[in-house]
Amino acid sequence: MKNLKGIIVIIAVVVVLGLWAASAYNSMVGVQEKATTELANVQSAYQRRADLIPNLVETVKGYAAHEKETLEGVVEARSKATGINLDAENIQEFQAAQGELSSALGRLIAIGEAYPDLKANENFQQLQIQLEGTENRINEARNKYNTAVQNYNLVIRSFPKNIVASLFNFDKMTKFEAAQGAEKAPEVKF
């Protein structure tokens, strides 16, 4: 009788631990999926920007044909930025390419400031508004991703879930960080 009670207690403990481990695993999967979804949203915002750039470049070309070097720089930076698939492992490389694209776009927008006719062009204005809105969406998407990564990292690093996380290879995810030199305002020269 005493052995039977001991066996029942052991079985109950194993069942409780198994249920807890399953619950912990499922919660980690949930927060990981939230983080990867937010990362996909970041990529979608960057894709929107990449899709707008050809239209902006073509509009500017019509007014500033002699600014060929700047336009080619934007096209090249766009090509480089869209050539990298964003995932949790290559955030820094992706961000560096996007930084180059942002810099090239800044030079392109400066062309609009230098040419009053272009600045007044309705197509250019609409594209510039779209691009500015897209930059805001990118920033918001990165912030949401960082929040999701923070929540995920807290879950997988907190005791006792960190034990289950290590058993099932839930690795810490990387957040988006400001690009090197981002603390300095870009210099625009005409």
Protein backbone atom coordinates (compact mmCIF):
# COMPACT_ATOMS: atom_id res chain seq x y z
CA MET A 1 0.00 0.00 0.00
CA LYS A 2 2.85 2.32 0.92
CA ASN A 3 4.61 1.56 -2.37
CA LEU A 4 1.44 2.25 -4.32
CA LYS A 5 1.09 5.73 -2.72
CA GLY A 6 4.73 6.45 -3.53
CA ILE A 7 4.25 5.39 -7.14
CA ILE A 8 1.11 7.52 -7.43
CA VAL A 9 2.98 10.55 -6.00
CA ILE A 10 5.86 10.03 -8.44
CA ILE A 11 3.44 9.66 -11.36
CA ALA A 12 1.58 12.80 -10.26
CA VAL A 13 4.85 14.76 -10.03
CA VAL A 14 5.95 13.55 -13.46
CA VAL A 15 2.56 14.45 -14.96
CA VAL A 16 2.63 17.92 -13.37
CA LEU A 17 6.20 18.51 -14.58
CA GLY A 18 5.26 17.26 -18.05
CA LEU A 19 2.23 19.56 -18.21
CA TRP A 20 4.31 22.50 -16.99
CA ALA A 21 7.04 21.75 -19.59
CA ALA A 22 4.43 21.54 -22.35
CA SER A 23 2.89 24.82 -21.23
CA ALA A 24 6.32 26.48 -21.04
CA TYR A 25 7.25 25.19 -24.49
CA ASN A 26 3.98 26.43 -25.99
CA SER A 27 4.38 29.88 -24.45
CA MET A 28 7.93 30.12 -25.86
CA VAL A 29 6.66 29.14 -29.31
CA GLY A 30 4.00 31.84 -29.02
CA VAL A 31 6.40 34.65 -28.14
CA GLN A 32 8.89 33.45 -30.75
CA GLU A 33 6.19 33.50 -33.44
CA LYS A 34 5.19 37.01 -32.37
CA ALA A 35 8.81 38.15 -32.75
CA THR A 36 9.25 36.50 -36.16
CA THR A 37 5.96 38.01 -37.34
CA GLU A 38 7.15 41.45 -36.28
CA LEU A 39 10.41 40.81 -38.16
CA ALA A 40 8.39 39.98 -41.26
CA ASN A 41 6.50 43.25 -40.78
CA VAL A 42 9.84 45.10 -40.71
CA GLN A 43 10.82 43.41 -43.96
CA SER A 44 7.45 44.32 -45.47
CA ALA A 45 7.97 48.00 -44.58
CA TYR A 46 11.43 47.95 -46.16
CA GLN A 47 9.96 46.28 -49.26
CA ARG A 48 7.40 49.05 -49.54
CA ARG A 49 10.22 51.57 -49.56
CA ALA A 50 12.12 49.58 -52.17
CA ASP A 51 9.00 49.49 -54.35
CA LEU A 52 8.54 53.27 -54.15
CA ILE A 53 12.12 54.12 -55.08
CA PRO A 54 11.94 53.37 -58.84
CA ASN A 55 8.97 55.76 -59.15
CA LEU A 56 10.77 58.47 -57.22
CA VAL A 57 13.93 58.02 -59.27
CA GLU A 58 12.03 58.20 -62.57
CA THR A 59 10.24 61.36 -61.47
CA VAL A 60 13.48 63.03 -60.45
CA LYS A 61 15.22 61.88 -63.67
CA GLY A 62 12.84 63.96 -65.70
CA TYR A 63 13.88 67.12 -63.88
CA ALA A 64 17.48 66.51 -62.93
CA ALA A 65 19.09 64.49 -65.69
CA HIS A 66 22.53 65.89 -64.85
CA GLU A 67 22.30 64.40 -61.31
CA LYS A 68 22.96 60.98 -62.80
CA GLU A 69 25.51 59.99 -60.13
CA THR A 70 23.02 60.51 -57.30
CA LEU A 71 20.29 58.62 -59.14
CA GLU A 72 22.62 55.74 -59.92
CA GLY A 73 23.67 55.68 -56.26
CA VAL A 74 20.04 55.31 -55.18
CA VAL A 75 19.42 52.53 -57.68
CA GLU A 76 22.60 50.71 -56.62
CA ALA A 77 21.81 51.09 -52.91
CA ARG A 78 18.27 49.83 -53.51
CA SER A 79 19.60 46.82 -55.38
CA LYS A 80 22.03 46.03 -52.57
CA ALA A 81 19.36 46.52 -49.88
CA THR A 82 16.80 44.31 -51.61
CA GLY A 83 19.41 41.63 -52.27
CA ILE A 84 19.62 40.71 -48.58
CA ASN A 85 16.85 38.59 -47.08
CA LEU A 86 16.16 39.70 -43.53
CA ASP A 87 16.22 37.08 -40.83
CA ALA A 88 17.11 37.04 -37.15
CA GLU A 89 20.77 36.16 -37.88
CA ASN A 90 21.69 38.89 -40.39
CA ILE A 91 20.07 41.99 -38.90
CA GLN A 92 23.33 44.00 -38.82
CA GLU A 93 24.17 43.26 -42.48
CA PHE A 94 20.61 44.07 -43.54
CA GLN A 95 20.60 47.25 -41.48
CA ALA A 96 23.93 48.40 -42.99
CA ALA A 97 22.53 48.00 -46.52
CA GLN A 98 19.37 49.85 -45.52
CA GLY A 99 21.53 52.62 -44.02
CA GLU A 100 23.29 53.06 -47.36
CA LEU A 101 19.91 53.26 -49.04
CA SER A 102 18.69 55.86 -46.52
CA SER A 103 21.77 57.96 -47.19
CA ALA A 104 21.27 57.75 -50.95
CA LEU A 105 17.61 58.70 -50.54
CA GLY A 106 18.66 61.71 -48.47
CA ARG A 107 20.82 62.89 -51.36
CA LEU A 108 17.93 62.30 -53.75
CA ILE A 109 15.54 64.34 -51.61
CA ALA A 110 18.18 67.10 -51.50
CA ILE A 111 17.96 67.24 -55.30
CA GLY A 112 14.28 68.02 -54.90
CA GLU A 113 15.19 70.91 -52.62
CA ALA A 114 17.72 72.21 -55.16
CA TYR A 115 15.25 72.25 -58.05
CA PRO A 116 12.15 74.37 -57.32
CA ASP A 117 10.31 73.02 -60.40
CA LEU A 118 10.81 69.47 -59.19
CA LYS A 119 9.87 70.38 -55.65
CA ALA A 120 6.61 71.82 -56.94
CA ASN A 121 5.87 68.78 -59.11
CA GLU A 122 2.82 66.97 -57.76
CA ASN A 123 4.24 63.50 -58.55
CA PHE A 124 7.43 64.26 -56.68
CA GLN A 125 5.51 65.64 -53.72
CA GLN A 126 3.27 62.57 -53.55
CA LEU A 127 6.21 60.20 -53.78
CA GLN A 128 8.08 62.15 -51.11
CA ILE A 129 5.04 61.98 -48.81
CA GLN A 130 4.78 58.23 -49.46
CA LEU A 131 8.48 57.78 -48.76
CA GLU A 132 8.29 59.76 -45.53
CA GLY A 133 5.27 57.71 -44.44
CA THR A 134 7.16 54.54 -45.29
CA GLU A 135 10.15 55.64 -43.22
CA ASN A 136 7.78 56.15 -40.29
CA ARG A 137 6.30 52.68 -40.85
CA ILE A 138 9.77 51.17 -40.92
CA ASN A 139 10.63 52.84 -37.62
CA GLU A 140 7.36 51.69 -36.04
CA ALA A 141 7.86 48.13 -37.32
CA ARG A 142 11.41 48.02 -35.93
CA ASN A 143 10.16 49.26 -32.55
CA LYS A 144 7.43 46.60 -32.46
CA TYR A 145 9.96 43.94 -33.43
CA ASN A 146 12.33 45.05 -30.66
CA THR A 147 9.49 44.88 -28.13
CA ALA A 148 8.55 41.37 -29.32
CA VAL A 149 12.20 40.26 -29.15
CA GLN A 150 12.51 41.69 -25.64
CA ASN A 151 9.44 39.72 -24.52
CA TYR A 152 10.74 36.55 -26.18
CA ASN A 153 14.22 36.92 -24.67
CA LEU A 154 12.73 37.54 -21.22
CA VAL A 155 10.65 34.37 -21.45
CA ILE A 156 13.47 32.10 -22.62
CA ARG A 157 16.02 33.51 -20.16
CA SER A 158 13.80 33.51 -17.04
CA PHE A 159 14.03 30.65 -14.58
CA PRO A 160 12.64 27.95 -14.76
CA LYS A 161 11.60 28.32 -18.42
CA ASN A 162 15.25 28.76 -19.36
CA ILE A 163 15.69 25.05 -18.66
CA VAL A 164 13.00 24.12 -21.17
CA ALA A 165 14.38 26.73 -23.60
CA SER A 166 17.83 25.18 -23.50
CA LEU A 167 16.39 21.68 -23.97
CA PHE A 168 14.54 22.76 -27.12
CA ASN A 169 17.18 25.17 -28.50
CA PHE A 170 15.28 28.43 -28.11
CA ASP A 171 18.09 30.90 -28.78
CA LYS A 172 18.20 34.56 -27.85
CA MET A 173 17.12 36.86 -30.72
CA THR A 174 18.88 40.06 -31.81
CA LYS A 175 17.22 43.47 -31.75
CA PHE A 176 17.53 46.23 -34.32
CA GLU A 177 20.03 48.84 -33.21
CA ALA A 178 20.85 52.26 -34.58
CA ALA A 179 23.38 52.21 -37.39
CA GLN A 180 26.89 53.38 -36.57
CA GLY A 181 27.06 57.15 -36.87
CA ALA A 182 23.27 57.54 -36.63
CA GLU A 183 23.71 59.86 -33.65
CA LYS A 184 25.02 62.52 -36.06
CA ALA A 185 22.62 64.34 -38.34
CA PRO A 186 23.38 63.80 -42.03
CA GLU A 187 25.03 66.73 -43.75
CA VAL A 188 23.19 68.01 -46.79
CA LYS A 189 25.17 70.15 -49.26
CA PHE A 190 24.01 71.80 -52.43
